[in-house]
PDB file of N, CA and C in Angstrom:
ATOM      1  N   MET A   1      -9.966  -2.652   0.604  1.00  0.00           N
ATOM      2  CA  MET A   1     -10.445  -3.566  -0.400  1.00  0.00           C
ATOM      3  C   MET A   1      -9.347  -4.537  -0.802  1.00  0.00           C
ATOM      4  N   GLN A   2      -8.106  -4.088  -0.884  1.00  0.00           N
ATOM      5  CA  GLN A   2      -7.004  -4.975  -1.251  1.00  0.00           C
ATOM      6  C   GLN A   2      -6.819  -6.085  -0.224  1.00  0.00           C
ATOM      7  N   ALA A   3      -7.022  -5.767   1.049  1.00  0.00           N
ATOM      8  CA  ALA A   3      -6.895  -6.787   2.094  1.00  0.00           C
ATOM      9  C   ALA A   3      -7.946  -7.870   1.908  1.00  0.00           C
ATOM     10  N   ALA A   4      -9.160  -7.482   1.563  1.00  0.00           N
ATOM     11  CA  ALA A   4     -10.222  -8.461   1.330  1.00  0.00           C
ATOM     12  C   ALA A   4      -9.891  -9.328   0.125  1.00  0.00           C
ATOM     13  N   GLN A   5      -9.433  -8.702  -0.949  1.00  0.00           N
ATOM     14  CA  GLN A   5      -9.092  -9.456  -2.153  1.00  0.00           C
ATOM     15  C   GLN A   5      -7.969 -10.451  -1.883  1.00  0.00           C
ATOM     16  N   ALA A   6      -7.016 -10.094  -1.050  1.00  0.00           N
ATOM     17  CA  ALA A   6      -5.885 -10.975  -0.748  1.00  0.00           C
ATOM     18  C   ALA A   6      -6.314 -12.226   0.003  1.00  0.00           C
ATOM     19  N   GLU A   7      -7.415 -12.161   0.735  1.00  0.00           N
ATOM     20  CA  GLU A   7      -7.880 -13.304   1.533  1.00  0.00           C
ATOM     21  C   GLU A   7      -8.818 -14.230   0.770  1.00  0.00           C
ATOM     22  N   ILE A   8      -9.227 -13.849  -0.427  1.00  0.00           N
ATOM     23  CA  ILE A   8     -10.153 -14.667  -1.208  1.00  0.00           C
ATOM     24  C   ILE A   8      -9.351 -15.620  -2.078  1.00  0.00           C
ATOM     25  N   PRO A   9      -9.581 -16.931  -1.925  1.00  0.00           N
ATOM     26  CA  PRO A   9      -8.833 -17.903  -2.737  1.00  0.00           C
ATOM     27  C   PRO A   9      -9.095 -17.704  -4.226  1.00  0.00           C
ATOM     28  N   ASN A  10      -8.072 -17.960  -5.035  1.00  0.00           N
ATOM     29  CA  ASN A  10      -8.216 -17.878  -6.491  1.00  0.00           C
ATOM     30  C   ASN A  10      -9.325 -18.799  -6.956  1.00  0.00           C
ATOM     31  N   GLY A  11     -10.076 -18.352  -7.932  1.00  0.00           N
ATOM     32  CA  GLY A  11     -11.135 -19.166  -8.495  1.00  0.00           C
ATOM     33  C   GLY A  11     -12.478 -19.012  -7.812  1.00  0.00           C
ATOM     34  N   CYS A  12     -12.533 -18.292  -6.704  1.00  0.00           N
ATOM     35  CA  CYS A  12     -13.815 -18.074  -6.021  1.00  0.00           C
ATOM     36  C   CYS A  12     -14.602 -17.007  -6.761  1.00  0.00           C
ATOM     37  N   SER A  13     -15.890 -17.241  -6.890  1.00  0.00           N
ATOM     38  CA  SER A  13     -16.737 -16.262  -7.562  1.00  0.00           C
ATOM     39  C   SER A  13     -17.466 -15.410  -6.526  1.00  0.00           C
ATOM     40  N   LEU A  14     -18.041 -14.329  -6.997  1.00  0.00           N
ATOM     41  CA  LEU A  14     -18.792 -13.435  -6.119  1.00  0.00           C
ATOM     42  C   LEU A  14     -20.025 -14.144  -5.575  1.00  0.00           C
ATOM     43  N   VAL A  15     -20.357 -13.867  -4.341  1.00  0.00           N
ATOM     44  CA  VAL A  15     -21.558 -14.409  -3.718  1.00  0.00           C
ATOM     45  C   VAL A  15     -22.766 -13.699  -4.327  1.00  0.00           C
ATOM     46  N   ALA A  16     -23.759 -14.479  -4.721  1.00  0.00           N
ATOM     47  CA  ALA A  16     -24.961 -13.906  -5.330  1.00  0.00           C
ATOM     48  C   ALA A  16     -26.164 -13.955  -4.392  1.00  0.00           C
ATOM     49  N   ASP A  17     -26.025 -14.605  -3.229  1.00  0.00           N
ATOM     50  CA  ASP A  17     -27.115 -14.737  -2.268  1.00  0.00           C
ATOM     51  C   ASP A  17     -27.041 -13.639  -1.211  1.00  0.00           C
ATOM     52  N   ASP A  18     -28.078 -13.563  -0.387  1.00  0.00           N
ATOM     53  CA  ASP A  18     -28.071 -12.625   0.730  1.00  0.00           C
ATOM     54  C   ASP A  18     -26.952 -12.992   1.710  1.00  0.00           C
ATOM     55  N   VAL A  19     -26.415 -11.974   2.369  1.00  0.00           N
ATOM     56  CA  VAL A  19     -25.331 -12.181   3.327  1.00  0.00           C
ATOM     57  C   VAL A  19     -25.579 -11.369   4.592  1.00  0.00           C
ATOM     58  N   ALA A  20     -24.839 -11.732   5.632  1.00  0.00           N
ATOM     59  CA  ALA A  20     -24.806 -10.961   6.876  1.00  0.00           C
ATOM     60  C   ALA A  20     -23.358 -10.534   7.095  1.00  0.00           C
ATOM     61  N   LEU A  21     -23.165  -9.354   7.661  1.00  0.00           N
ATOM     62  CA  LEU A  21     -21.823  -8.850   7.971  1.00  0.00           C
ATOM     63  C   LEU A  21     -21.671  -8.664   9.468  1.00  0.00           C
ATOM     64  N   ARG A  22     -20.506  -9.048   9.956  1.00  0.00           N
ATOM     65  CA  ARG A  22     -20.121  -8.745  11.338  1.00  0.00           C
ATOM     66  C   ARG A  22     -18.809  -7.970  11.228  1.00  0.00           C
ATOM     67  N   ILE A  23     -18.834  -6.750  11.737  1.00  0.00           N
ATOM     68  CA  ILE A  23     -17.689  -5.853  11.619  1.00  0.00           C
ATOM     69  C   ILE A  23     -17.230  -5.449  13.014  1.00  0.00           C
ATOM     70  N   ALA A  24     -15.942  -5.597  13.267  1.00  0.00           N
ATOM     71  CA  ALA A  24     -15.358  -5.121  14.524  1.00  0.00           C
ATOM     72  C   ALA A  24     -14.174  -4.227  14.174  1.00  0.00           C
ATOM     73  N   TYR A  25     -14.189  -3.022  14.712  1.00  0.00           N
ATOM     74  CA  TYR A  25     -13.101  -2.073  14.501  1.00  0.00           C
ATOM     75  C   TYR A  25     -12.313  -1.985  15.799  1.00  0.00           C
ATOM     76  N   TYR A  26     -11.075  -2.437  15.770  1.00  0.00           N
ATOM     77  CA  TYR A  26     -10.180  -2.379  16.930  1.00  0.00           C
ATOM     78  C   TYR A  26      -9.334  -1.128  16.763  1.00  0.00           C
ATOM     79  N   TYR A  27      -9.400  -0.229  17.732  1.00  0.00           N
ATOM     80  CA  TYR A  27      -8.820   1.102  17.557  1.00  0.00           C
ATOM     81  C   TYR A  27      -8.141   1.579  18.839  1.00  0.00           C
ATOM     82  N   GLU A  28      -7.391   2.659  18.684  1.00  0.00           N
ATOM     83  CA  GLU A  28      -6.913   3.411  19.834  1.00  0.00           C
ATOM     84  C   GLU A  28      -7.099   4.889  19.505  1.00  0.00           C
ATOM     85  N   GLY A  29      -7.248   5.693  20.520  1.00  0.00           N
ATOM     86  CA  GLY A  29      -7.495   7.115  20.279  1.00  0.00           C
ATOM     87  C   GLY A  29      -8.924   7.350  19.854  1.00  0.00           C
ATOM     88  N   ASP A  30      -9.118   8.337  18.978  1.00  0.00           N
ATOM     89  CA  ASP A  30     -10.456   8.667  18.493  1.00  0.00           C
ATOM     90  C   ASP A  30     -10.917   7.645  17.456  1.00  0.00           C
ATOM     91  N   SER A  31     -12.223   7.491  17.370  1.00  0.00           N
ATOM     92  CA  SER A  31     -12.785   6.547  16.407  1.00  0.00           C
ATOM     93  C   SER A  31     -14.112   7.093  15.904  1.00  0.00           C
ATOM     94  N   PRO A  32     -14.487   6.711  14.672  1.00  0.00           N
ATOM     95  CA  PRO A  32     -15.794   7.160  14.174  1.00  0.00           C
ATOM     96  C   PRO A  32     -16.923   6.485  14.948  1.00  0.00           C
ATOM     97  N   ASP A  33     -18.108   7.052  14.852  1.00  0.00           N
ATOM     98  CA  ASP A  33     -19.285   6.414  15.429  1.00  0.00           C
ATOM     99  C   ASP A  33     -19.445   5.034  14.808  1.00  0.00           C
ATOM    100  N   VAL A  34     -19.921   4.100  15.593  1.00  0.00           N
ATOM    101  CA  VAL A  34     -20.023   2.713  15.131  1.00  0.00           C
ATOM    102  C   VAL A  34     -20.921   2.586  13.899  1.00  0.00           C
ATOM    103  N   ASP A  35     -21.966   3.391  13.795  1.00  0.00           N
ATOM    104  CA  ASP A  35     -22.849   3.298  12.631  1.00  0.00           C
ATOM    105  C   ASP A  35     -22.192   3.854  11.373  1.00  0.00           C
ATOM    106  N   ASN A  36     -21.198   4.740  11.515  1.00  0.00           N
ATOM    107  CA  ASN A  36     -20.501   5.286  10.349  1.00  0.00           C
ATOM    108  C   ASN A  36     -19.443   4.338   9.798  1.00  0.00           C
ATOM    109  N   ILE A  37     -19.160   3.266  10.489  1.00  0.00           N
ATOM    110  CA  ILE A  37     -18.183   2.281  10.042  1.00  0.00           C
ATOM    111  C   ILE A  37     -18.796   1.356   8.984  1.00  0.00           C
ATOM    112  N   ILE A  38     -20.080   1.116   9.059  1.00  0.00           N
ATOM    113  CA  ILE A  38     -20.727   0.073   8.261  1.00  0.00           C
ATOM    114  C   ILE A  38     -20.747   0.360   6.758  1.00  0.00           C
ATOM    115  N   LYS A  39     -21.278   1.493   6.347  1.00  0.00           N
ATOM    116  CA  LYS A  39     -21.529   1.755   4.924  1.00  0.00           C
ATOM    117  C   LYS A  39     -20.266   1.705   4.063  1.00  0.00           C
ATOM    118  N   PRO A  40     -19.161   2.325   4.464  1.00  0.00           N
ATOM    119  CA  PRO A  40     -17.966   2.242   3.605  1.00  0.00           C
ATOM    120  C   PRO A  40     -17.473   0.804   3.406  1.00  0.00           C
ATOM    121  N   ILE A  41     -17.624  -0.026   4.426  1.00  0.00           N
ATOM    122  CA  ILE A  41     -17.183  -1.418   4.303  1.00  0.00           C
ATOM    123  C   ILE A  41     -18.104  -2.184   3.374  1.00  0.00           C
ATOM    124  N   GLN A  42     -19.421  -1.993   3.540  1.00  0.00           N
ATOM    125  CA  GLN A  42     -20.374  -2.642   2.630  1.00  0.00           C
ATOM    126  C   GLN A  42     -20.071  -2.260   1.189  1.00  0.00           C
ATOM    127  N   ASP A  43     -19.822  -0.989   0.946  1.00  0.00           N
ATOM    128  CA  ASP A  43     -19.522  -0.522  -0.407  1.00  0.00           C
ATOM    129  C   ASP A  43     -18.219  -1.130  -0.929  1.00  0.00           C
ATOM    130  N   ALA A  44     -17.185  -1.214  -0.083  1.00  0.00           N
ATOM    131  CA  ALA A  44     -15.880  -1.720  -0.512  1.00  0.00           C
ATOM    132  C   ALA A  44     -15.921  -3.201  -0.864  1.00  0.00           C
ATOM    133  N   LEU A  45     -16.807  -3.965  -0.242  1.00  0.00           N
ATOM    134  CA  LEU A  45     -16.891  -5.405  -0.509  1.00  0.00           C
ATOM    135  C   LEU A  45     -17.713  -5.732  -1.754  1.00  0.00           C
ATOM    136  N   GLU A  46     -18.428  -4.720  -2.275  1.00  0.00           N
ATOM    137  CA  GLU A  46     -19.204  -4.906  -3.503  1.00  0.00           C
ATOM    138  C   GLU A  46     -18.240  -5.163  -4.658  1.00  0.00           C
ATOM    139  N   GLY A  47     -18.486  -6.229  -5.388  1.00  0.00           N
ATOM    140  CA  GLY A  47     -17.617  -6.582  -6.508  1.00  0.00           C
ATOM    141  C   GLY A  47     -16.355  -7.328  -6.092  1.00  0.00           C
ATOM    142  N   VAL A  48     -16.148  -7.481  -4.781  1.00  0.00           N
ATOM    143  CA  VAL A  48     -15.006  -8.227  -4.257  1.00  0.00           C
ATOM    144  C   VAL A  48     -15.494  -9.524  -3.615  1.00  0.00           C
ATOM    145  N   VAL A  49     -16.527  -9.404  -2.779  1.00  0.00           N
ATOM    146  CA  VAL A  49     -17.089 -10.565  -2.079  1.00  0.00           C
ATOM    147  C   VAL A  49     -18.479 -10.895  -2.618  1.00  0.00           C
ATOM    148  N   TYR A  50     -19.302  -9.872  -2.759  1.00  0.00           N
ATOM    149  CA  TYR A  50     -20.660 -10.076  -3.271  1.00  0.00           C
ATOM    150  C   TYR A  50     -20.915  -9.142  -4.443  1.00  0.00           C
ATOM    151  N   VAL A  51     -21.992  -9.425  -5.165  1.00  0.00           N
ATOM    152  CA  VAL A  51     -22.310  -8.680  -6.379  1.00  0.00           C
ATOM    153  C   VAL A  51     -22.728  -7.247  -6.064  1.00  0.00           C
ATOM    154  N   ASP A  52     -23.631  -7.093  -5.094  1.00  0.00           N
ATOM    155  CA  ASP A  52     -24.204  -5.776  -4.788  1.00  0.00           C
ATOM    156  C   ASP A  52     -24.412  -5.672  -3.285  1.00  0.00           C
ATOM    157  N   ASP A  53     -24.170  -4.499  -2.720  1.00  0.00           N
ATOM    158  CA  ASP A  53     -24.332  -4.364  -1.268  1.00  0.00           C
ATOM    159  C   ASP A  53     -25.793  -4.438  -0.834  1.00  0.00           C
ATOM    160  N   ALA A  54     -26.720  -4.450  -1.778  1.00  0.00           N
ATOM    161  CA  ALA A  54     -28.128  -4.673  -1.439  1.00  0.00           C
ATOM    162  C   ALA A  54     -28.361  -6.097  -0.935  1.00  0.00           C
ATOM    163  N   GLN A  55     -27.401  -6.993  -1.152  1.00  0.00           N
ATOM    164  CA  GLN A  55     -27.490  -8.368  -0.665  1.00  0.00           C
ATOM    165  C   GLN A  55     -27.275  -8.464   0.849  1.00  0.00           C
ATOM    166  N   VAL A  56     -26.745  -7.404   1.448  1.00  0.00           N
ATOM    167  CA  VAL A  56     -26.501  -7.410   2.891  1.00  0.00           C
ATOM    168  C   VAL A  56     -27.835  -7.180   3.594  1.00  0.00           C
ATOM    169  N   VAL A  57     -28.319  -8.224   4.288  1.00  0.00           N
ATOM    170  CA  VAL A  57     -29.614  -8.145   4.950  1.00  0.00           C
ATOM    171  C   VAL A  57     -29.490  -7.990   6.461  1.00  0.00           C
ATOM    172  N   LYS A  58     -28.289  -8.173   6.985  1.00  0.00           N
ATOM    173  CA  LYS A  58     -28.073  -7.992   8.414  1.00  0.00           C
ATOM    174  C   LYS A  58     -26.638  -7.544   8.643  1.00  0.00           C
ATOM    175  N   THR A  59     -26.475  -6.570   9.547  1.00  0.00           N
ATOM    176  CA  THR A  59     -25.134  -6.137   9.934  1.00  0.00           C
ATOM    177  C   THR A  59     -25.046  -6.078  11.448  1.00  0.00           C
ATOM    178  N   GLU A  60     -23.871  -6.358  11.926  1.00  0.00           N
ATOM    179  CA  GLU A  60     -23.554  -6.207  13.345  1.00  0.00           C
ATOM    180  C   GLU A  60     -22.213  -5.475  13.375  1.00  0.00           C
ATOM    181  N   SER A  61     -22.158  -4.368  14.080  1.00  0.00           N
ATOM    182  CA  SER A  61     -20.948  -3.554  14.077  1.00  0.00           C
ATOM    183  C   SER A  61     -20.574  -3.174  15.500  1.00  0.00           C
ATOM    184  N   SER A  62     -19.282  -3.220  15.769  1.00  0.00           N
ATOM    185  CA  SER A  62     -18.795  -2.826  17.090  1.00  0.00           C
ATOM    186  C   SER A  62     -17.431  -2.167  16.952  1.00  0.00           C
ATOM    187  N   LYS A  63     -17.063  -1.428  17.984  1.00  0.00           N
ATOM    188  CA  LYS A  63     -15.708  -0.883  18.050  1.00  0.00           C
ATOM    189  C   LYS A  63     -15.156  -1.214  19.425  1.00  0.00           C
ATOM    190  N   VAL A  64     -13.886  -1.589  19.433  1.00  0.00           N
ATOM    191  CA  VAL A  64     -13.248  -2.082  20.644  1.00  0.00           C
ATOM    192  C   VAL A  64     -11.871  -1.450  20.753  1.00  0.00           C
ATOM    193  N   ARG A  65     -11.551  -0.923  21.918  1.00  0.00           N
ATOM    194  CA  ARG A  65     -10.216  -0.339  22.108  1.00  0.00           C
ATOM    195  C   ARG A  65      -9.162  -1.442  22.002  1.00  0.00           C
ATOM    196  N   ILE A  66      -8.146  -1.221  21.194  1.00  0.00           N
ATOM    197  CA  ILE A  66      -7.099  -2.216  20.951  1.00  0.00           C
ATOM    198  C   ILE A  66      -6.226  -2.452  22.177  1.00  0.00           C
ATOM    199  N   ASP A  67      -6.216  -1.503  23.110  1.00  0.00           N
ATOM    200  CA  ASP A  67      -5.357  -1.653  24.285  1.00  0.00           C
ATOM    201  C   ASP A  67      -6.038  -2.423  25.414  1.00  0.00           C
ATOM    202  N   GLY A  68      -7.167  -3.062  25.104  1.00  0.00           N
ATOM    203  CA  GLY A  68      -7.871  -3.868  26.096  1.00  0.00           C
ATOM    204  C   GLY A  68      -7.241  -5.243  26.242  1.00  0.00           C
ATOM    205  N   SER A  69      -7.816  -6.041  27.097  1.00  0.00           N
ATOM    206  CA  SER A  69      -7.381  -7.409  27.318  1.00  0.00           C
ATOM    207  C   SER A  69      -8.364  -8.338  26.612  1.00  0.00           C
ATOM    208  N   PHE A  70      -7.852  -9.332  25.877  1.00  0.00           N
ATOM    209  CA  PHE A  70      -8.703 -10.185  25.066  1.00  0.00           C
ATOM    210  C   PHE A  70      -8.411 -11.652  25.322  1.00  0.00           C
ATOM    211  N   THR A  71      -9.444 -12.467  25.237  1.00  0.00           N
ATOM    212  CA  THR A  71      -9.311 -13.910  25.161  1.00  0.00           C
ATOM    213  C   THR A  71      -9.690 -14.286  23.744  1.00  0.00           C
ATOM    214  N   ILE A  72      -8.778 -14.942  23.041  1.00  0.00           N
ATOM    215  CA  ILE A  72      -8.997 -15.257  21.628  1.00  0.00           C
ATOM    216  C   ILE A  72      -8.943 -16.761  21.447  1.00  0.00           C
ATOM    217  N   ARG A  73     -10.008 -17.322  20.869  1.00  0.00           N
ATOM    218  CA  ARG A  73     -10.067 -18.758  20.598  1.00  0.00           C
ATOM    219  C   ARG A  73     -10.387 -18.975  19.125  1.00  0.00           C
ATOM    220  N   GLY A  74      -9.694 -19.889  18.506  1.00  0.00           N
ATOM    221  CA  GLY A  74     -10.001 -20.268  17.131  1.00  0.00           C
ATOM    222  C   GLY A  74      -9.750 -19.179  16.112  1.00  0.00           C
ATOM    223  N   ALA A  75      -8.845 -18.255  16.398  1.00  0.00           N
ATOM    224  CA  ALA A  75      -8.583 -17.144  15.485  1.00  0.00           C
ATOM    225  C   ALA A  75      -7.643 -17.578  14.363  1.00  0.00           C
ATOM    226  N   SER A  76      -7.803 -16.939  13.223  1.00  0.00           N
ATOM    227  CA  SER A  76      -6.907 -17.200  12.098  1.00  0.00           C
ATOM    228  C   SER A  76      -5.545 -16.567  12.366  1.00  0.00           C
ATOM    229  N   ALA A  77      -4.548 -16.992  11.613  1.00  0.00           N
ATOM    230  CA  ALA A  77      -3.206 -16.412  11.736  1.00  0.00           C
ATOM    231  C   ALA A  77      -3.221 -14.923  11.409  1.00  0.00           C
ATOM    232  N   VAL A  78      -4.043 -14.544  10.453  1.00  0.00           N
ATOM    233  CA  VAL A  78      -4.140 -13.129  10.061  1.00  0.00           C
ATOM    234  C   VAL A  78      -4.680 -12.289  11.222  1.00  0.00           C
ATOM    235  N   LEU A  79      -5.714 -12.790  11.888  1.00  0.00           N
ATOM    236  CA  LEU A  79      -6.293 -12.059  13.019  1.00  0.00           C
ATOM    237  C   LEU A  79      -5.302 -11.973  14.181  1.00  0.00           C
ATOM    238  N   LEU A  80      -4.620 -13.067  14.470  1.00  0.00           N
ATOM    239  CA  LEU A  80      -3.620 -13.052  15.542  1.00  0.00           C
ATOM    240  C   LEU A  80      -2.487 -12.073  15.237  1.00  0.00           C
ATOM    241  N   GLN A  81      -2.076 -12.013  13.974  1.00  0.00           N
ATOM    242  CA  GLN A  81      -1.035 -11.062  13.565  1.00  0.00           C
ATOM    243  C   GLN A  81      -1.509  -9.626  13.792  1.00  0.00           C
ATOM    244  N   ALA A  82      -2.763  -9.345  13.441  1.00  0.00           N
ATOM    245  CA  ALA A  82      -3.303  -7.992  13.631  1.00  0.00           C
ATOM    246  C   ALA A  82      -3.292  -7.603  15.102  1.00  0.00           C
ATOM    247  N   PHE A  83      -3.689  -8.521  15.986  1.00  0.00           N
ATOM    248  CA  PHE A  83      -3.654  -8.229  17.418  1.00  0.00           C
ATOM    249  C   PHE A  83      -2.226  -8.019  17.909  1.00  0.00           C
ATOM    250  N   SER A  84      -1.300  -8.810  17.428  1.00  0.00           N
ATOM    251  CA  SER A  84       0.079  -8.706  17.913  1.00  0.00           C
ATOM    252  C   SER A  84       0.735  -7.393  17.504  1.00  0.00           C
ATOM    253  N   GLU A  85       0.321  -6.815  16.383  1.00  0.00           N
ATOM    254  CA  GLU A  85       0.892  -5.546  15.928  1.00  0.00           C
ATOM    255  C   GLU A  85       0.361  -4.350  16.711  1.00  0.00           C
ATOM    256  N   ARG A  86      -0.771  -4.524  17.385  1.00  0.00           N
ATOM    257  CA  ARG A  86      -1.365  -3.476  18.228  1.00  0.00           C
ATOM    258  C   ARG A  86      -1.700  -2.193  17.466  1.00  0.00           C
ATOM    259  N   ASP A  87      -1.857  -2.278  16.159  1.00  0.00           N
ATOM    260  CA  ASP A  87      -2.293  -1.147  15.350  1.00  0.00           C
ATOM    261  C   ASP A  87      -3.792  -1.291  15.111  1.00  0.00           C
ATOM    262  N   PRO A  88      -4.494  -0.174  14.894  1.00  0.00           N
ATOM    263  CA  PRO A  88      -5.928  -0.264  14.597  1.00  0.00           C
ATOM    264  C   PRO A  88      -6.168  -1.156  13.370  1.00  0.00           C
ATOM    265  N   PHE A  89      -7.247  -1.949  13.419  1.00  0.00           N
ATOM    266  CA  PHE A  89      -7.590  -2.794  12.282  1.00  0.00           C
ATOM    267  C   PHE A  89      -9.075  -3.126  12.314  1.00  0.00           C
ATOM    268  N   LEU A  90      -9.558  -3.588  11.176  1.00  0.00           N
ATOM    269  CA  LEU A  90     -10.936  -4.061  11.025  1.00  0.00           C
ATOM    270  C   LEU A  90     -10.940  -5.574  10.908  1.00  0.00           C
ATOM    271  N   HIS A  91     -11.926  -6.201  11.518  1.00  0.00           N
ATOM    272  CA  HIS A  91     -12.168  -7.625  11.320  1.00  0.00           C
ATOM    273  C   HIS A  91     -13.575  -7.739  10.765  1.00  0.00           C
ATOM    274  N   VAL A  92     -13.691  -8.274   9.573  1.00  0.00           N
ATOM    275  CA  VAL A  92     -14.980  -8.362   8.889  1.00  0.00           C
ATOM    276  C   VAL A  92     -15.278  -9.815   8.574  1.00  0.00           C
ATOM    277  N   GLN A  93     -16.436 -10.278   8.987  1.00  0.00           N
ATOM    278  CA  GLN A  93     -16.908 -11.623   8.658  1.00  0.00           C
ATOM    279  C   GLN A  93     -18.130 -11.501   7.766  1.00  0.00           C
ATOM    280  N   VAL A  94     -18.140 -12.254   6.688  1.00  0.00           N
ATOM    281  CA  VAL A  94     -19.286 -12.325   5.790  1.00  0.00           C
ATOM    282  C   VAL A  94     -19.825 -13.752   5.903  1.00  0.00           C
ATOM    283  N   THR A  95     -21.092 -13.863   6.289  1.00  0.00           N
ATOM    284  CA  THR A  95     -21.703 -15.177   6.496  1.00  0.00           C
ATOM    285  C   THR A  95     -23.080 -15.221   5.854  1.00  0.00           C
ATOM    286  N   LEU A  96     -23.657 -16.412   5.862  1.00  0.00           N
ATOM    287  CA  LEU A  96     -25.060 -16.528   5.474  1.00  0.00           C
ATOM    288  C   LEU A  96     -25.898 -15.849   6.548  1.00  0.00           C
ATOM    289  N   PRO A  97     -26.979 -15.188   6.162  1.00  0.00           N
ATOM    290  CA  PRO A  97     -27.808 -14.526   7.165  1.00  0.00           C
ATOM    291  C   PRO A  97     -28.624 -15.532   7.966  1.00  0.00           C
ATOM    292  N   PRO A  98     -29.026 -15.135   9.167  1.00  0.00           N
ATOM    293  CA  PRO A  98     -29.916 -16.002   9.944  1.00  0.00           C
ATOM    294  C   PRO A  98     -31.296 -16.037   9.291  1.00  0.00           C
ATOM    295  N   ASP A  99     -32.093 -16.982   9.737  1.00  0.00           N
ATOM    296  CA  ASP A  99     -33.476 -17.067   9.257  1.00  0.00           C
ATOM    297  C   ASP A  99     -34.233 -15.848   9.781  1.00  0.00           C
ATOM    298  N   MET A 100     -34.544 -14.925   8.896  1.00  0.00           N
ATOM    299  CA  MET A 100     -35.179 -13.669   9.277  1.00  0.00           C
ATOM    300  C   MET A 100     -36.692 -13.814   9.482  1.00  0.00           C
ATOM    301  N   SER A 101     -37.233 -15.007   9.204  1.00  0.00           N
ATOM    302  CA  SER A 101     -38.674 -15.195   9.396  1.00  0.00           C
ATOM    303  C   SER A 101     -39.014 -15.510  10.842  1.00  0.00           C
ATOM    304  N   ASN A 102     -38.021 -15.840  11.659  1.00  0.00           N
ATOM    305  CA  ASN A 102     -38.227 -16.129  13.061  1.00  0.00           C
ATOM    306  C   ASN A 102     -37.840 -14.884  13.859  1.00  0.00           C
ATOM    307  N   LEU A 103     -38.817 -14.189  14.383  1.00  0.00           N
ATOM    308  CA  LEU A 103     -38.567 -12.894  15.042  1.00  0.00           C
ATOM    309  C   LEU A 103     -38.433 -13.002  16.555  1.00  0.00           C
ATOM    310  N   THR A 104     -37.783 -14.028  17.047  1.00  0.00           N
ATOM    311  CA  THR A 104     -37.606 -14.160  18.493  1.00  0.00           C
ATOM    312  C   THR A 104     -36.317 -13.533  18.929  1.00  0.00           C
TER     313      THR A 104
END
């Protein structure tokens, strides 16, 4: 939660609209099941990014071995630093949700 708070600019208020989450866990060794990664992160972002985790209407979660080979484009300095350290880390994106009325 402290990492999320550190990335939020001063003066930003909590999001009150629906959101979508994209979570990637970069790991080595053993890792939790991908579905067990989601709920603790949703809970931790409550009151930090959004008002209530009930606002999360879509999630996408993955886990990726950190010792793999990656092509990275348009990454932030924070993300590049995490990759360079080669330690397990989470990358979480909070965005507006897609139009859920189109079921294609």
